[in-house]
């Protein structure tokens, strides 16, 4: 799976949780730009973990600020899985 394809799937997963009205790019800040609270962020993460059949370690959550960061974490998790 290519990085662009993974990014598109991450965006689709986020939109399935928060709705399609947000324009989401790799630079979109998950908390600030999408106005998500911690519960909504966890819902997004759980949805993405299920979709990609992977686990994102809790210690990496603080490193994930943008959608691009989340995409890179998914790519990294799939390489080690």
PDB file of N, CA and C in Angstrom:
ATOM      1  N   UNK A   1       0.842  -1.169   0.000  1.00  0.00           N
ATOM      2  CA  UNK A   1       0.000   0.000   0.000  1.00  0.00           C
ATOM      3  C   UNK A   1       0.896   1.244   0.000  1.00  0.00           C
ATOM      4  N   UNK A   2       0.596   2.187  -0.859  1.00  0.00           N
ATOM      5  CA  UNK A   2       1.386   3.412  -0.994  1.00  0.00           C
ATOM      6  C   UNK A   2       0.984   4.446   0.058  1.00  0.00           C
ATOM      7  N   UNK A   3       1.901   5.393   0.330  1.00  0.00           N
ATOM      8  CA  UNK A   3       1.657   6.422   1.333  1.00  0.00           C
ATOM      9  C   UNK A   3       0.408   7.236   1.008  1.00  0.00           C
ATOM     10  N   UNK A   4       0.215   7.617  -0.267  1.00  0.00           N
ATOM     11  CA  UNK A   4      -0.978   8.393  -0.641  1.00  0.00           C
ATOM     12  C   UNK A   4      -2.261   7.623  -0.364  1.00  0.00           C
ATOM     13  N   UNK A   5      -2.231   6.336  -0.651  1.00  0.00           N
ATOM     14  CA  UNK A   5      -3.417   5.504  -0.420  1.00  0.00           C
ATOM     15  C   UNK A   5      -3.715   5.390   1.078  1.00  0.00           C
ATOM     16  N   UNK A   6      -2.668   5.226   1.880  1.00  0.00           N
ATOM     17  CA  UNK A   6      -2.856   5.159   3.329  1.00  0.00           C
ATOM     18  C   UNK A   6      -3.394   6.488   3.840  1.00  0.00           C
ATOM     19  N   UNK A   7      -2.818   7.601   3.348  1.00  0.00           N
ATOM     20  CA  UNK A   7      -3.293   8.927   3.763  1.00  0.00           C
ATOM     21  C   UNK A   7      -4.772   9.094   3.423  1.00  0.00           C
ATOM     22  N   UNK A   8      -5.184   8.704   2.232  1.00  0.00           N
ATOM     23  CA  UNK A   8      -6.587   8.825   1.835  1.00  0.00           C
ATOM     24  C   UNK A   8      -7.487   7.994   2.740  1.00  0.00           C
ATOM     25  N   UNK A   9      -7.027   6.821   3.120  1.00  0.00           N
ATOM     26  CA  UNK A   9      -7.815   5.968   4.006  1.00  0.00           C
ATOM     27  C   UNK A   9      -7.895   6.549   5.419  1.00  0.00           C
ATOM     28  N   UNK A  10      -6.799   7.182   5.875  1.00  0.00           N
ATOM     29  CA  UNK A  10      -6.802   7.837   7.181  1.00  0.00           C
ATOM     30  C   UNK A  10      -7.810   8.991   7.171  1.00  0.00           C
ATOM     31  N   UNK A  11      -7.778   9.796   6.114  1.00  0.00           N
ATOM     32  CA  UNK A  11      -8.720  10.919   5.978  1.00  0.00           C
ATOM     33  C   UNK A  11     -10.159  10.397   5.968  1.00  0.00           C
ATOM     34  N   UNK A  12     -10.406   9.343   5.203  1.00  0.00           N
ATOM     35  CA  UNK A  12     -11.753   8.769   5.129  1.00  0.00           C
ATOM     36  C   UNK A  12     -12.201   8.245   6.498  1.00  0.00           C
ATOM     37  N   UNK A  13     -11.282   7.641   7.232  1.00  0.00           N
ATOM     38  CA  UNK A  13     -11.616   7.127   8.562  1.00  0.00           C
ATOM     39  C   UNK A  13     -11.960   8.271   9.509  1.00  0.00           C
ATOM     40  N   UNK A  14     -11.183   9.345   9.449  1.00  0.00           N
ATOM     41  CA  UNK A  14     -11.464  10.504  10.305  1.00  0.00           C
ATOM     42  C   UNK A  14     -12.829  11.094   9.946  1.00  0.00           C
ATOM     43  N   UNK A  15     -13.085  11.233   8.654  1.00  0.00           N
ATOM     44  CA  UNK A  15     -14.359  11.807   8.222  1.00  0.00           C
ATOM     45  C   UNK A  15     -15.536  10.913   8.576  1.00  0.00           C
ATOM     46  N   UNK A  16     -15.323   9.613   8.627  1.00  0.00           N
ATOM     47  CA  UNK A  16     -16.425   8.726   9.004  1.00  0.00           C
ATOM     48  C   UNK A  16     -16.800   8.908  10.475  1.00  0.00           C
ATOM     49  N   UNK A  17     -15.855   9.394  11.265  1.00  0.00           N
ATOM     50  CA  UNK A  17     -16.122   9.631  12.683  1.00  0.00           C
ATOM     51  C   UNK A  17     -16.654  11.043  12.922  1.00  0.00           C
ATOM     52  N   UNK A  18     -16.049  12.045  12.248  1.00  0.00           N
ATOM     53  CA  UNK A  18     -16.407  13.448  12.532  1.00  0.00           C
ATOM     54  C   UNK A  18     -17.316  14.083  11.494  1.00  0.00           C
ATOM     55  N   UNK A  19     -17.491  13.417  10.356  1.00  0.00           N
ATOM     56  CA  UNK A  19     -18.317  13.967   9.287  1.00  0.00           C
ATOM     57  C   UNK A  19     -17.471  14.549   8.167  1.00  0.00           C
ATOM     58  N   UNK A  20     -18.048  14.649   6.982  1.00  0.00           N
ATOM     59  CA  UNK A  20     -17.294  15.064   5.799  1.00  0.00           C
ATOM     60  C   UNK A  20     -17.136  16.575   5.622  1.00  0.00           C
ATOM     61  N   UNK A  21     -17.677  17.368   6.547  1.00  0.00           N
ATOM     62  CA  UNK A  21     -17.666  18.820   6.340  1.00  0.00           C
ATOM     63  C   UNK A  21     -16.293  19.459   6.532  1.00  0.00           C
ATOM     64  N   UNK A  22     -15.343  18.752   7.114  1.00  0.00           N
ATOM     65  CA  UNK A  22     -13.997  19.291   7.323  1.00  0.00           C
ATOM     66  C   UNK A  22     -13.103  18.965   6.134  1.00  0.00           C
ATOM     67  N   UNK A  23     -12.349  19.956   5.675  1.00  0.00           N
ATOM     68  CA  UNK A  23     -11.331  19.717   4.647  1.00  0.00           C
ATOM     69  C   UNK A  23     -10.083  19.251   5.386  1.00  0.00           C
ATOM     70  N   UNK A  24      -9.618  18.061   5.082  1.00  0.00           N
ATOM     71  CA  UNK A  24      -8.504  17.471   5.817  1.00  0.00           C
ATOM     72  C   UNK A  24      -7.332  17.259   4.870  1.00  0.00           C
ATOM     73  N   UNK A  25      -6.167  17.786   5.281  1.00  0.00           N
ATOM     74  CA  UNK A  25      -4.918  17.586   4.539  1.00  0.00           C
ATOM     75  C   UNK A  25      -3.904  16.962   5.497  1.00  0.00           C
ATOM     76  N   UNK A  26      -2.723  16.667   4.993  1.00  0.00           N
ATOM     77  CA  UNK A  26      -1.668  16.112   5.844  1.00  0.00           C
ATOM     78  C   UNK A  26      -1.273  17.094   6.941  1.00  0.00           C
ATOM     79  N   UNK A  27      -1.430  18.392   6.684  1.00  0.00           N
ATOM     80  CA  UNK A  27      -1.043  19.415   7.654  1.00  0.00           C
ATOM     81  C   UNK A  27      -2.148  19.732   8.668  1.00  0.00           C
ATOM     82  N   UNK A  28      -3.316  19.164   8.508  1.00  0.00           N
ATOM     83  CA  UNK A  28      -4.420  19.419   9.429  1.00  0.00           C
ATOM     84  C   UNK A  28      -4.040  18.963  10.835  1.00  0.00           C
ATOM     85  N   UNK A  29      -4.123  19.889  11.786  1.00  0.00           N
ATOM     86  CA  UNK A  29      -3.860  19.564  13.187  1.00  0.00           C
ATOM     87  C   UNK A  29      -5.119  18.901  13.749  1.00  0.00           C
ATOM     88  N   UNK A  30      -4.947  17.708  14.269  1.00  0.00           N
ATOM     89  CA  UNK A  30      -6.091  16.903  14.697  1.00  0.00           C
ATOM     90  C   UNK A  30      -6.884  17.576  15.814  1.00  0.00           C
ATOM     91  N   UNK A  31      -6.205  18.141  16.790  1.00  0.00           N
ATOM     92  CA  UNK A  31      -6.926  18.774  17.903  1.00  0.00           C
ATOM     93  C   UNK A  31      -7.399  20.176  17.555  1.00  0.00           C
ATOM     94  N   UNK A  32      -6.493  20.999  17.064  1.00  0.00           N
ATOM     95  CA  UNK A  32      -6.821  22.412  16.834  1.00  0.00           C
ATOM     96  C   UNK A  32      -7.756  22.610  15.642  1.00  0.00           C
ATOM     97  N   UNK A  33      -7.414  22.043  14.494  1.00  0.00           N
ATOM     98  CA  UNK A  33      -8.179  22.305  13.279  1.00  0.00           C
ATOM     99  C   UNK A  33      -9.501  21.550  13.220  1.00  0.00           C
ATOM    100  N   UNK A  34      -9.553  20.386  13.825  1.00  0.00           N
ATOM    101  CA  UNK A  34     -10.781  19.588  13.777  1.00  0.00           C
ATOM    102  C   UNK A  34     -11.630  19.760  15.028  1.00  0.00           C
ATOM    103  N   UNK A  35     -11.117  20.508  15.995  1.00  0.00           N
ATOM    104  CA  UNK A  35     -11.842  20.787  17.247  1.00  0.00           C
ATOM    105  C   UNK A  35     -12.331  19.511  17.927  1.00  0.00           C
ATOM    106  N   UNK A  36     -11.451  18.515  18.004  1.00  0.00           N
ATOM    107  CA  UNK A  36     -11.814  17.257  18.641  1.00  0.00           C
ATOM    108  C   UNK A  36     -11.406  17.261  20.098  1.00  0.00           C
ATOM    109  N   UNK A  37     -12.252  16.702  20.945  1.00  0.00           N
ATOM    110  CA  UNK A  37     -11.855  16.522  22.335  1.00  0.00           C
ATOM    111  C   UNK A  37     -11.162  15.166  22.462  1.00  0.00           C
ATOM    112  N   UNK A  38     -10.685  14.855  23.650  1.00  0.00           N
ATOM    113  CA  UNK A  38      -9.910  13.630  23.837  1.00  0.00           C
ATOM    114  C   UNK A  38     -10.723  12.374  23.543  1.00  0.00           C
ATOM    115  N   UNK A  39     -12.010  12.388  23.841  1.00  0.00           N
ATOM    116  CA  UNK A  39     -12.867  11.233  23.564  1.00  0.00           C
ATOM    117  C   UNK A  39     -13.005  11.029  22.051  1.00  0.00           C
ATOM    118  N   UNK A  40     -13.207  12.107  21.317  1.00  0.00           N
ATOM    119  CA  UNK A  40     -13.332  12.007  19.859  1.00  0.00           C
ATOM    120  C   UNK A  40     -12.020  11.552  19.232  1.00  0.00           C
ATOM    121  N   UNK A  41     -10.895  12.027  19.762  1.00  0.00           N
ATOM    122  CA  UNK A  41      -9.586  11.592  19.252  1.00  0.00           C
ATOM    123  C   UNK A  41      -9.420  10.090  19.462  1.00  0.00           C
ATOM    124  N   UNK A  42      -9.786   9.599  20.644  1.00  0.00           N
ATOM    125  CA  UNK A  42      -9.687   8.165  20.913  1.00  0.00           C
ATOM    126  C   UNK A  42     -10.609   7.372  19.987  1.00  0.00           C
ATOM    127  N   UNK A  43     -11.774   7.904  19.700  1.00  0.00           N
ATOM    128  CA  UNK A  43     -12.695   7.246  18.779  1.00  0.00           C
ATOM    129  C   UNK A  43     -12.073   7.145  17.382  1.00  0.00           C
ATOM    130  N   UNK A  44     -11.445   8.234  16.943  1.00  0.00           N
ATOM    131  CA  UNK A  44     -10.768   8.240  15.640  1.00  0.00           C
ATOM    132  C   UNK A  44      -9.629   7.220  15.633  1.00  0.00           C
ATOM    133  N   UNK A  45      -8.810   7.226  16.681  1.00  0.00           N
ATOM    134  CA  UNK A  45      -7.671   6.303  16.760  1.00  0.00           C
ATOM    135  C   UNK A  45      -8.157   4.850  16.745  1.00  0.00           C
ATOM    136  N   UNK A  46      -9.172   4.551  17.533  1.00  0.00           N
ATOM    137  CA  UNK A  46      -9.704   3.181  17.567  1.00  0.00           C
ATOM    138  C   UNK A  46     -10.255   2.762  16.205  1.00  0.00           C
ATOM    139  N   UNK A  47     -10.934   3.673  15.544  1.00  0.00           N
ATOM    140  CA  UNK A  47     -11.472   3.386  14.218  1.00  0.00           C
ATOM    141  C   UNK A  47     -10.336   3.095  13.236  1.00  0.00           C
ATOM    142  N   UNK A  48      -9.285   3.893  13.289  1.00  0.00           N
ATOM    143  CA  UNK A  48      -8.151   3.711  12.383  1.00  0.00           C
ATOM    144  C   UNK A  48      -7.392   2.428  12.710  1.00  0.00           C
ATOM    145  N   UNK A  49      -7.219   2.130  13.995  1.00  0.00           N
ATOM    146  CA  UNK A  49      -6.557   0.877  14.374  1.00  0.00           C
ATOM    147  C   UNK A  49      -7.324  -0.320  13.835  1.00  0.00           C
ATOM    148  N   UNK A  50      -8.634  -0.271  13.927  1.00  0.00           N
ATOM    149  CA  UNK A  50      -9.462  -1.366  13.416  1.00  0.00           C
ATOM    150  C   UNK A  50      -9.354  -1.456  11.896  1.00  0.00           C
ATOM    151  N   UNK A  51      -9.449  -0.318  11.232  1.00  0.00           N
ATOM    152  CA  UNK A  51      -9.406  -0.307   9.777  1.00  0.00           C
ATOM    153  C   UNK A  51      -8.079  -0.852   9.242  1.00  0.00           C
ATOM    154  N   UNK A  52      -6.973  -0.480   9.893  1.00  0.00           N
ATOM    155  CA  UNK A  52      -5.659  -0.891   9.412  1.00  0.00           C
ATOM    156  C   UNK A  52      -5.135  -2.131  10.115  1.00  0.00           C
ATOM    157  N   UNK A  53      -5.946  -2.710  10.997  1.00  0.00           N
ATOM    158  CA  UNK A  53      -5.555  -3.901  11.742  1.00  0.00           C
ATOM    159  C   UNK A  53      -4.181  -3.726  12.377  1.00  0.00           C
ATOM    160  N   UNK A  54      -4.064  -2.666  13.169  1.00  0.00           N
ATOM    161  CA  UNK A  54      -2.797  -2.355  13.829  1.00  0.00           C
ATOM    162  C   UNK A  54      -3.072  -1.753  15.196  1.00  0.00           C
ATOM    163  N   UNK A  55      -2.033  -1.582  15.970  1.00  0.00           N
ATOM    164  CA  UNK A  55      -2.126  -0.932  17.280  1.00  0.00           C
ATOM    165  C   UNK A  55      -1.166   0.246  17.289  1.00  0.00           C
ATOM    166  N   UNK A  56      -1.644   1.375  17.765  1.00  0.00           N
ATOM    167  CA  UNK A  56      -0.788   2.541  17.936  1.00  0.00           C
ATOM    168  C   UNK A  56      -0.447   2.610  19.415  1.00  0.00           C
ATOM    169  N   UNK A  57       0.838   2.472  19.753  1.00  0.00           N
ATOM    170  CA  UNK A  57       1.216   2.509  21.170  1.00  0.00           C
ATOM    171  C   UNK A  57       0.828   3.835  21.826  1.00  0.00           C
ATOM    172  N   UNK A  58       0.338   3.761  23.053  1.00  0.00           N
ATOM    173  CA  UNK A  58      -0.097   4.953  23.777  1.00  0.00           C
ATOM    174  C   UNK A  58       1.006   6.008  23.868  1.00  0.00           C
ATOM    175  N   UNK A  59       2.269   5.564  23.978  1.00  0.00           N
ATOM    176  CA  UNK A  59       3.356   6.532  24.111  1.00  0.00           C
ATOM    177  C   UNK A  59       3.590   7.326  22.824  1.00  0.00           C
ATOM    178  N   UNK A  60       2.999   6.909  21.716  1.00  0.00           N
ATOM    179  CA  UNK A  60       3.125   7.647  20.464  1.00  0.00           C
ATOM    180  C   UNK A  60       2.018   8.681  20.282  1.00  0.00           C
ATOM    181  N   UNK A  61       0.973   8.611  21.070  1.00  0.00           N
ATOM    182  CA  UNK A  61      -0.150   9.539  20.913  1.00  0.00           C
ATOM    183  C   UNK A  61       0.294  10.990  21.011  1.00  0.00           C
ATOM    184  N   UNK A  62       1.199  11.299  21.922  1.00  0.00           N
ATOM    185  CA  UNK A  62       1.650  12.685  22.105  1.00  0.00           C
ATOM    186  C   UNK A  62       2.401  13.204  20.880  1.00  0.00           C
ATOM    187  N   UNK A  63       3.009  12.307  20.121  1.00  0.00           N
ATOM    188  CA  UNK A  63       3.761  12.686  18.924  1.00  0.00           C
ATOM    189  C   UNK A  63       2.848  12.980  17.735  1.00  0.00           C
ATOM    190  N   UNK A  64       1.636  12.508  17.781  1.00  0.00           N
ATOM    191  CA  UNK A  64       0.707  12.656  16.658  1.00  0.00           C
ATOM    192  C   UNK A  64      -0.043  13.971  16.810  1.00  0.00           C
ATOM    193  N   UNK A  65       0.322  14.939  15.991  1.00  0.00           N
ATOM    194  CA  UNK A  65      -0.365  16.223  16.026  1.00  0.00           C
ATOM    195  C   UNK A  65      -1.161  16.470  14.755  1.00  0.00           C
ATOM    196  N   UNK A  66      -0.622  16.043  13.627  1.00  0.00           N
ATOM    197  CA  UNK A  66      -1.289  16.289  12.349  1.00  0.00           C
ATOM    198  C   UNK A  66      -1.754  14.973  11.732  1.00  0.00           C
ATOM    199  N   UNK A  67      -2.579  15.095  10.718  1.00  0.00           N
ATOM    200  CA  UNK A  67      -3.038  13.910   9.984  1.00  0.00           C
ATOM    201  C   UNK A  67      -1.840  13.234   9.308  1.00  0.00           C
ATOM    202  N   UNK A  68      -0.883  14.031   8.863  1.00  0.00           N
ATOM    203  CA  UNK A  68       0.338  13.477   8.272  1.00  0.00           C
ATOM    204  C   UNK A  68       1.127  12.660   9.285  1.00  0.00           C
ATOM    205  N   UNK A  69       1.196  13.150  10.530  1.00  0.00           N
ATOM    206  CA  UNK A  69       1.868  12.385  11.594  1.00  0.00           C
ATOM    207  C   UNK A  69       1.172  11.046  11.795  1.00  0.00           C
ATOM    208  N   UNK A  70      -0.144  11.063  11.813  1.00  0.00           N
ATOM    209  CA  UNK A  70      -0.920   9.840  12.001  1.00  0.00           C
ATOM    210  C   UNK A  70      -0.680   8.868  10.854  1.00  0.00           C
ATOM    211  N   UNK A  71      -0.633   9.396   9.647  1.00  0.00           N
ATOM    212  CA  UNK A  71      -0.346   8.560   8.480  1.00  0.00           C
ATOM    213  C   UNK A  71       1.018   7.895   8.620  1.00  0.00           C
ATOM    214  N   UNK A  72       2.027   8.657   9.046  1.00  0.00           N
ATOM    215  CA  UNK A  72       3.376   8.106   9.202  1.00  0.00           C
ATOM    216  C   UNK A  72       3.426   7.035  10.291  1.00  0.00           C
ATOM    217  N   UNK A  73       2.680   7.216  11.365  1.00  0.00           N
ATOM    218  CA  UNK A  73       2.630   6.209  12.428  1.00  0.00           C
ATOM    219  C   UNK A  73       1.996   4.922  11.897  1.00  0.00           C
ATOM    220  N   UNK A  74       0.951   5.057  11.100  1.00  0.00           N
ATOM    221  CA  UNK A  74       0.314   3.868  10.502  1.00  0.00           C
ATOM    222  C   UNK A  74       1.292   3.155   9.573  1.00  0.00           C
ATOM    223  N   UNK A  75       1.988   3.920   8.737  1.00  0.00           N
ATOM    224  CA  UNK A  75       2.967   3.321   7.821  1.00  0.00           C
ATOM    225  C   UNK A  75       4.045   2.586   8.606  1.00  0.00           C
ATOM    226  N   UNK A  76       4.569   3.206   9.649  1.00  0.00           N
ATOM    227  CA  UNK A  76       5.601   2.585  10.471  1.00  0.00           C
ATOM    228  C   UNK A  76       5.090   1.321  11.152  1.00  0.00           C
ATOM    229  N   UNK A  77       3.846   1.361  11.642  1.00  0.00           N
ATOM    230  CA  UNK A  77       3.295   0.189  12.335  1.00  0.00           C
ATOM    231  C   UNK A  77       3.090  -0.972  11.368  1.00  0.00           C
ATOM    232  N   UNK A  78       2.752  -0.668  10.130  1.00  0.00           N
ATOM    233  CA  UNK A  78       2.537  -1.739   9.144  1.00  0.00           C
ATOM    234  C   UNK A  78       3.865  -2.354   8.708  1.00  0.00           C
ATOM    235  N   UNK A  79       4.953  -1.590   8.759  1.00  0.00           N
ATOM    236  CA  UNK A  79       6.272  -2.120   8.380  1.00  0.00           C
ATOM    237  C   UNK A  79       6.816  -3.071   9.426  1.00  0.00           C
ATOM    238  N   UNK A  80       6.473  -2.832  10.708  1.00  0.00           N
ATOM    239  CA  UNK A  80       6.971  -3.713  11.748  1.00  0.00           C
ATOM    240  C   UNK A  80       6.011  -4.871  12.010  1.00  0.00           C
ATOM    241  N   UNK A  81       4.773  -4.698  11.645  1.00  0.00           N
ATOM    242  CA  UNK A  81       3.778  -5.730  11.929  1.00  0.00           C
ATOM    243  C   UNK A  81       3.986  -6.958  11.071  1.00  0.00           C
TER     244      UNK A  81
END
